[in-house]
Amino acid sequence: MNEHDINDAELGPVDPAAAQHHDASLCPECEGAGVLADGETCPLCDGSGQASGRTGGG
């Protein structure tokens, strides 16, 4: 192996599509946190962090 080669032997297989899809049970606005980045309660899930009928979840 040359010094400028990248050693990716320990990385294992990666599904690039998995990084693009979030958990459908979590609120898409706050991503399950229940609060927005500014500290306000998420208006979409009302602070629960769970997807609702309004967000396309269950």
PDB file of N, CA and C in Angstrom:
ATOM      1  N   MET A   1       0.838  -1.161   0.000  1.00  0.00           N
ATOM      2  CA  MET A   1       0.000   0.000   0.000  1.00  0.00           C
ATOM      3  C   MET A   1       0.896   1.241   0.000  1.00  0.00           C
ATOM      4  N   ASN A   2       0.607   2.179  -0.872  1.00  0.00           N
ATOM      5  CA  ASN A   2       1.368   3.419  -0.941  1.00  0.00           C
ATOM      6  C   ASN A   2       0.899   4.388   0.133  1.00  0.00           C
ATOM      7  N   GLU A   3       1.737   5.358   0.459  1.00  0.00           N
ATOM      8  CA  GLU A   3       1.395   6.301   1.523  1.00  0.00           C
ATOM      9  C   GLU A   3       0.204   7.184   1.174  1.00  0.00           C
ATOM     10  N   HIS A   4      -0.100   7.363  -0.106  1.00  0.00           N
ATOM     11  CA  HIS A   4      -1.228   8.208  -0.507  1.00  0.00           C
ATOM     12  C   HIS A   4      -2.507   7.408  -0.748  1.00  0.00           C
ATOM     13  N   ASP A   5      -2.459   6.091  -0.595  1.00  0.00           N
ATOM     14  CA  ASP A   5      -3.655   5.262  -0.735  1.00  0.00           C
ATOM     15  C   ASP A   5      -4.514   5.354   0.521  1.00  0.00           C
ATOM     16  N   ILE A   6      -5.811   5.231   0.345  1.00  0.00           N
ATOM     17  CA  ILE A   6      -6.739   5.256   1.472  1.00  0.00           C
ATOM     18  C   ILE A   6      -6.997   3.827   1.915  1.00  0.00           C
ATOM     19  N   ASN A   7      -6.824   3.563   3.194  1.00  0.00           N
ATOM     20  CA  ASN A   7      -7.069   2.241   3.742  1.00  0.00           C
ATOM     21  C   ASN A   7      -8.531   2.160   4.176  1.00  0.00           C
ATOM     22  N   ASP A   8      -9.341   1.496   3.355  1.00  0.00           N
ATOM     23  CA  ASP A   8     -10.764   1.376   3.661  1.00  0.00           C
ATOM     24  C   ASP A   8     -11.144  -0.063   4.019  1.00  0.00           C
ATOM     25  N   ALA A   9     -10.179  -0.841   4.442  1.00  0.00           N
ATOM     26  CA  ALA A   9     -10.424  -2.245   4.737  1.00  0.00           C
ATOM     27  C   ALA A   9     -11.370  -2.435   5.918  1.00  0.00           C
ATOM     28  N   GLU A  10     -11.351  -1.518   6.898  1.00  0.00           N
ATOM     29  CA  GLU A  10     -12.175  -1.668   8.094  1.00  0.00           C
ATOM     30  C   GLU A  10     -13.534  -0.987   7.988  1.00  0.00           C
ATOM     31  N   LEU A  11     -13.807  -0.327   6.880  1.00  0.00           N
ATOM     32  CA  LEU A  11     -15.064   0.406   6.754  1.00  0.00           C
ATOM     33  C   LEU A  11     -16.257  -0.509   6.504  1.00  0.00           C
ATOM     34  N   GLY A  12     -16.083  -1.564   5.778  1.00  0.00           N
ATOM     35  CA  GLY A  12     -17.172  -2.491   5.498  1.00  0.00           C
ATOM     36  C   GLY A  12     -18.119  -1.942   4.444  1.00  0.00           C
ATOM     37  N   PRO A  13     -19.113  -2.732   4.080  1.00  0.00           N
ATOM     38  CA  PRO A  13     -20.051  -2.290   3.045  1.00  0.00           C
ATOM     39  C   PRO A  13     -20.950  -1.163   3.557  1.00  0.00           C
ATOM     40  N   VAL A  14     -21.238  -0.212   2.698  1.00  0.00           N
ATOM     41  CA  VAL A  14     -22.065   0.937   3.060  1.00  0.00           C
ATOM     42  C   VAL A  14     -23.173   1.084   2.036  1.00  0.00           C
ATOM     43  N   ASP A  15     -24.390   1.265   2.520  1.00  0.00           N
ATOM     44  CA  ASP A  15     -25.528   1.500   1.643  1.00  0.00           C
ATOM     45  C   ASP A  15     -25.737   3.008   1.545  1.00  0.00           C
ATOM     46  N   PRO A  16     -25.415   3.634   0.409  1.00  0.00           N
ATOM     47  CA  PRO A  16     -25.552   5.090   0.315  1.00  0.00           C
ATOM     48  C   PRO A  16     -26.995   5.565   0.457  1.00  0.00           C
ATOM     49  N   ALA A  17     -27.948   4.733   0.137  1.00  0.00           N
ATOM     50  CA  ALA A  17     -29.355   5.115   0.258  1.00  0.00           C
ATOM     51  C   ALA A  17     -29.793   5.183   1.715  1.00  0.00           C
ATOM     52  N   ALA A  18     -29.141   4.453   2.596  1.00  0.00           N
ATOM     53  CA  ALA A  18     -29.526   4.446   4.007  1.00  0.00           C
ATOM     54  C   ALA A  18     -29.305   5.808   4.659  1.00  0.00           C
ATOM     55  N   ALA A  19     -28.328   6.546   4.212  1.00  0.00           N
ATOM     56  CA  ALA A  19     -28.050   7.854   4.789  1.00  0.00           C
ATOM     57  C   ALA A  19     -29.059   8.902   4.339  1.00  0.00           C
ATOM     58  N   GLN A  20     -29.775   8.630   3.264  1.00  0.00           N
ATOM     59  CA  GLN A  20     -30.720   9.598   2.719  1.00  0.00           C
ATOM     60  C   GLN A  20     -32.103   9.484   3.329  1.00  0.00           C
ATOM     61  N   HIS A  21     -32.421   8.363   3.940  1.00  0.00           N
ATOM     62  CA  HIS A  21     -33.765   8.137   4.460  1.00  0.00           C
ATOM     63  C   HIS A  21     -33.742   8.134   5.982  1.00  0.00           C
ATOM     64  N   HIS A  22     -34.538   9.002   6.565  1.00  0.00           N
ATOM     65  CA  HIS A  22     -34.618   9.030   8.013  1.00  0.00           C
ATOM     66  C   HIS A  22     -35.699   8.058   8.485  1.00  0.00           C
ATOM     67  N   ASP A  23     -35.744   7.838   9.762  1.00  0.00           N
ATOM     68  CA  ASP A  23     -36.728   6.956  10.374  1.00  0.00           C
ATOM     69  C   ASP A  23     -38.118   7.570  10.196  1.00  0.00           C
ATOM     70  N   ALA A  24     -39.031   6.849   9.558  1.00  0.00           N
ATOM     71  CA  ALA A  24     -40.370   7.361   9.259  1.00  0.00           C
ATOM     72  C   ALA A  24     -41.204   7.572  10.517  1.00  0.00           C
ATOM     73  N   SER A  25     -40.816   6.995  11.645  1.00  0.00           N
ATOM     74  CA  SER A  25     -41.588   7.176  12.867  1.00  0.00           C
ATOM     75  C   SER A  25     -41.216   8.467  13.595  1.00  0.00           C
ATOM     76  N   LEU A  26     -40.145   9.141  13.146  1.00  0.00           N
ATOM     77  CA  LEU A  26     -39.716  10.382  13.780  1.00  0.00           C
ATOM     78  C   LEU A  26     -40.255  11.580  13.011  1.00  0.00           C
ATOM     79  N   CYS A  27     -40.461  12.662  13.726  1.00  0.00           N
ATOM     80  CA  CYS A  27     -40.928  13.908  13.126  1.00  0.00           C
ATOM     81  C   CYS A  27     -39.875  14.402  12.129  1.00  0.00           C
ATOM     82  N   PRO A  28     -40.269  14.734  10.904  1.00  0.00           N
ATOM     83  CA  PRO A  28     -39.284  15.188   9.914  1.00  0.00           C
ATOM     84  C   PRO A  28     -38.736  16.586  10.201  1.00  0.00           C
ATOM     85  N   GLU A  29     -39.444  17.371  10.988  1.00  0.00           N
ATOM     86  CA  GLU A  29     -38.995  18.734  11.286  1.00  0.00           C
ATOM     87  C   GLU A  29     -37.893  18.745  12.346  1.00  0.00           C
ATOM     88  N   CYS A  30     -38.113  18.061  13.462  1.00  0.00           N
ATOM     89  CA  CYS A  30     -37.131  18.083  14.558  1.00  0.00           C
ATOM     90  C   CYS A  30     -36.328  16.782  14.634  1.00  0.00           C
ATOM     91  N   GLU A  31     -36.628  15.821  13.773  1.00  0.00           N
ATOM     92  CA  GLU A  31     -35.947  14.527  13.702  1.00  0.00           C
ATOM     93  C   GLU A  31     -35.981  13.777  15.026  1.00  0.00           C
ATOM     94  N   GLY A  32     -37.118  13.891  15.725  1.00  0.00           N
ATOM     95  CA  GLY A  32     -37.322  13.124  16.948  1.00  0.00           C
ATOM     96  C   GLY A  32     -36.910  13.823  18.220  1.00  0.00           C
ATOM     97  N   ALA A  33     -36.320  15.011  18.122  1.00  0.00           N
ATOM     98  CA  ALA A  33     -35.851  15.709  19.315  1.00  0.00           C
ATOM     99  C   ALA A  33     -36.991  16.353  20.098  1.00  0.00           C
ATOM    100  N   GLY A  34     -38.050  16.762  19.413  1.00  0.00           N
ATOM    101  CA  GLY A  34     -39.160  17.425  20.084  1.00  0.00           C
ATOM    102  C   GLY A  34     -38.990  18.926  20.199  1.00  0.00           C
ATOM    103  N   VAL A  35     -37.777  19.394  19.966  1.00  0.00           N
ATOM    104  CA  VAL A  35     -37.497  20.841  19.981  1.00  0.00           C
ATOM    105  C   VAL A  35     -36.705  21.199  18.730  1.00  0.00           C
ATOM    106  N   LEU A  36     -36.832  22.436  18.317  1.00  0.00           N
ATOM    107  CA  LEU A  36     -36.089  22.927  17.164  1.00  0.00           C
ATOM    108  C   LEU A  36     -34.705  23.391  17.619  1.00  0.00           C
ATOM    109  N   ALA A  37     -33.858  23.748  16.680  1.00  0.00           N
ATOM    110  CA  ALA A  37     -32.489  24.158  17.002  1.00  0.00           C
ATOM    111  C   ALA A  37     -32.449  25.391  17.889  1.00  0.00           C
ATOM    112  N   ASP A  38     -33.470  26.245  17.792  1.00  0.00           N
ATOM    113  CA  ASP A  38     -33.489  27.457  18.616  1.00  0.00           C
ATOM    114  C   ASP A  38     -34.083  27.225  19.999  1.00  0.00           C
ATOM    115  N   GLY A  39     -34.443  25.981  20.331  1.00  0.00           N
ATOM    116  CA  GLY A  39     -34.954  25.648  21.652  1.00  0.00           C
ATOM    117  C   GLY A  39     -36.466  25.678  21.766  1.00  0.00           C
ATOM    118  N   GLU A  40     -37.156  26.097  20.708  1.00  0.00           N
ATOM    119  CA  GLU A  40     -38.610  26.150  20.721  1.00  0.00           C
ATOM    120  C   GLU A  40     -39.191  24.755  20.552  1.00  0.00           C
ATOM    121  N   THR A  41     -40.363  24.507  21.137  1.00  0.00           N
ATOM    122  CA  THR A  41     -41.066  23.242  20.952  1.00  0.00           C
ATOM    123  C   THR A  41     -41.444  23.104  19.489  1.00  0.00           C
ATOM    124  N   CYS A  42     -41.236  21.950  18.938  1.00  0.00           N
ATOM    125  CA  CYS A  42     -41.524  21.709  17.525  1.00  0.00           C
ATOM    126  C   CYS A  42     -43.021  21.879  17.270  1.00  0.00           C
ATOM    127  N   PRO A  43     -43.405  22.751  16.343  1.00  0.00           N
ATOM    128  CA  PRO A  43     -44.828  22.965  16.069  1.00  0.00           C
ATOM    129  C   PRO A  43     -45.464  21.824  15.285  1.00  0.00           C
ATOM    130  N   LEU A  44     -44.666  21.021  14.628  1.00  0.00           N
ATOM    131  CA  LEU A  44     -45.207  19.948  13.809  1.00  0.00           C
ATOM    132  C   LEU A  44     -45.648  18.752  14.637  1.00  0.00           C
ATOM    133  N   CYS A  45     -44.856  18.387  15.642  1.00  0.00           N
ATOM    134  CA  CYS A  45     -45.180  17.212  16.463  1.00  0.00           C
ATOM    135  C   CYS A  45     -45.594  17.600  17.879  1.00  0.00           C
ATOM    136  N   ASP A  46     -45.645  18.906  18.167  1.00  0.00           N
ATOM    137  CA  ASP A  46     -46.007  19.420  19.494  1.00  0.00           C
ATOM    138  C   ASP A  46     -45.090  18.890  20.593  1.00  0.00           C
ATOM    139  N   GLY A  47     -43.823  18.671  20.259  1.00  0.00           N
ATOM    140  CA  GLY A  47     -42.838  18.279  21.246  1.00  0.00           C
ATOM    141  C   GLY A  47     -42.716  16.789  21.494  1.00  0.00           C
ATOM    142  N   SER A  48     -43.513  15.976  20.811  1.00  0.00           N
ATOM    143  CA  SER A  48     -43.440  14.531  21.057  1.00  0.00           C
ATOM    144  C   SER A  48     -42.268  13.876  20.331  1.00  0.00           C
ATOM    145  N   GLY A  49     -41.840  14.455  19.236  1.00  0.00           N
ATOM    146  CA  GLY A  49     -40.773  13.869  18.438  1.00  0.00           C
ATOM    147  C   GLY A  49     -41.230  12.762  17.506  1.00  0.00           C
ATOM    148  N   GLN A  50     -42.486  12.378  17.614  1.00  0.00           N
ATOM    149  CA  GLN A  50     -43.021  11.298  16.798  1.00  0.00           C
ATOM    150  C   GLN A  50     -43.769  11.858  15.590  1.00  0.00           C
ATOM    151  N   ALA A  51     -43.725  11.139  14.498  1.00  0.00           N
ATOM    152  CA  ALA A  51     -44.478  11.534  13.316  1.00  0.00           C
ATOM    153  C   ALA A  51     -45.964  11.384  13.607  1.00  0.00           C
ATOM    154  N   SER A  52     -46.739  12.305  13.063  1.00  0.00           N
ATOM    155  CA  SER A  52     -48.182  12.245  13.250  1.00  0.00           C
ATOM    156  C   SER A  52     -48.858  12.206  11.894  1.00  0.00           C
ATOM    157  N   GLY A  53     -50.175  12.234  11.884  1.00  0.00           N
ATOM    158  CA  GLY A  53     -50.905  12.263  10.626  1.00  0.00           C
ATOM    159  C   GLY A  53     -50.551  13.479   9.786  1.00  0.00           C
ATOM    160  N   ARG A  54     -50.242  14.595  10.462  1.00  0.00           N
ATOM    161  CA  ARG A  54     -49.878  15.827   9.742  1.00  0.00           C
ATOM    162  C   ARG A  54     -48.522  15.708   9.085  1.00  0.00           C
ATOM    163  N   THR A  55     -47.641  14.888   9.635  1.00  0.00           N
ATOM    164  CA  THR A  55     -46.285  14.765   9.102  1.00  0.00           C
ATOM    165  C   THR A  55     -46.127  13.566   8.175  1.00  0.00           C
ATOM    166  N   GLY A  56     -47.191  12.832   7.974  1.00  0.00           N
ATOM    167  CA  GLY A  56     -47.126  11.675   7.094  1.00  0.00           C
ATOM    168  C   GLY A  56     -46.815  10.377   7.800  1.00  0.00           C
ATOM    169  N   GLY A  57     -46.728  10.396   9.109  1.00  0.00           N
ATOM    170  CA  GLY A  57     -46.438   9.186   9.862  1.00  0.00           C
ATOM    171  C   GLY A  57     -47.705   8.531  10.369  1.00  0.00           C
ATOM    172  N   GLY A  58     -47.574   7.628  11.333  1.00  0.00           N
ATOM    173  CA  GLY A  58     -48.701   6.879  11.806  1.00  0.00           C
ATOM    174  C   GLY A  58     -49.278   7.325  13.091  1.00  0.00           C
TER     175      GLY A  58
END
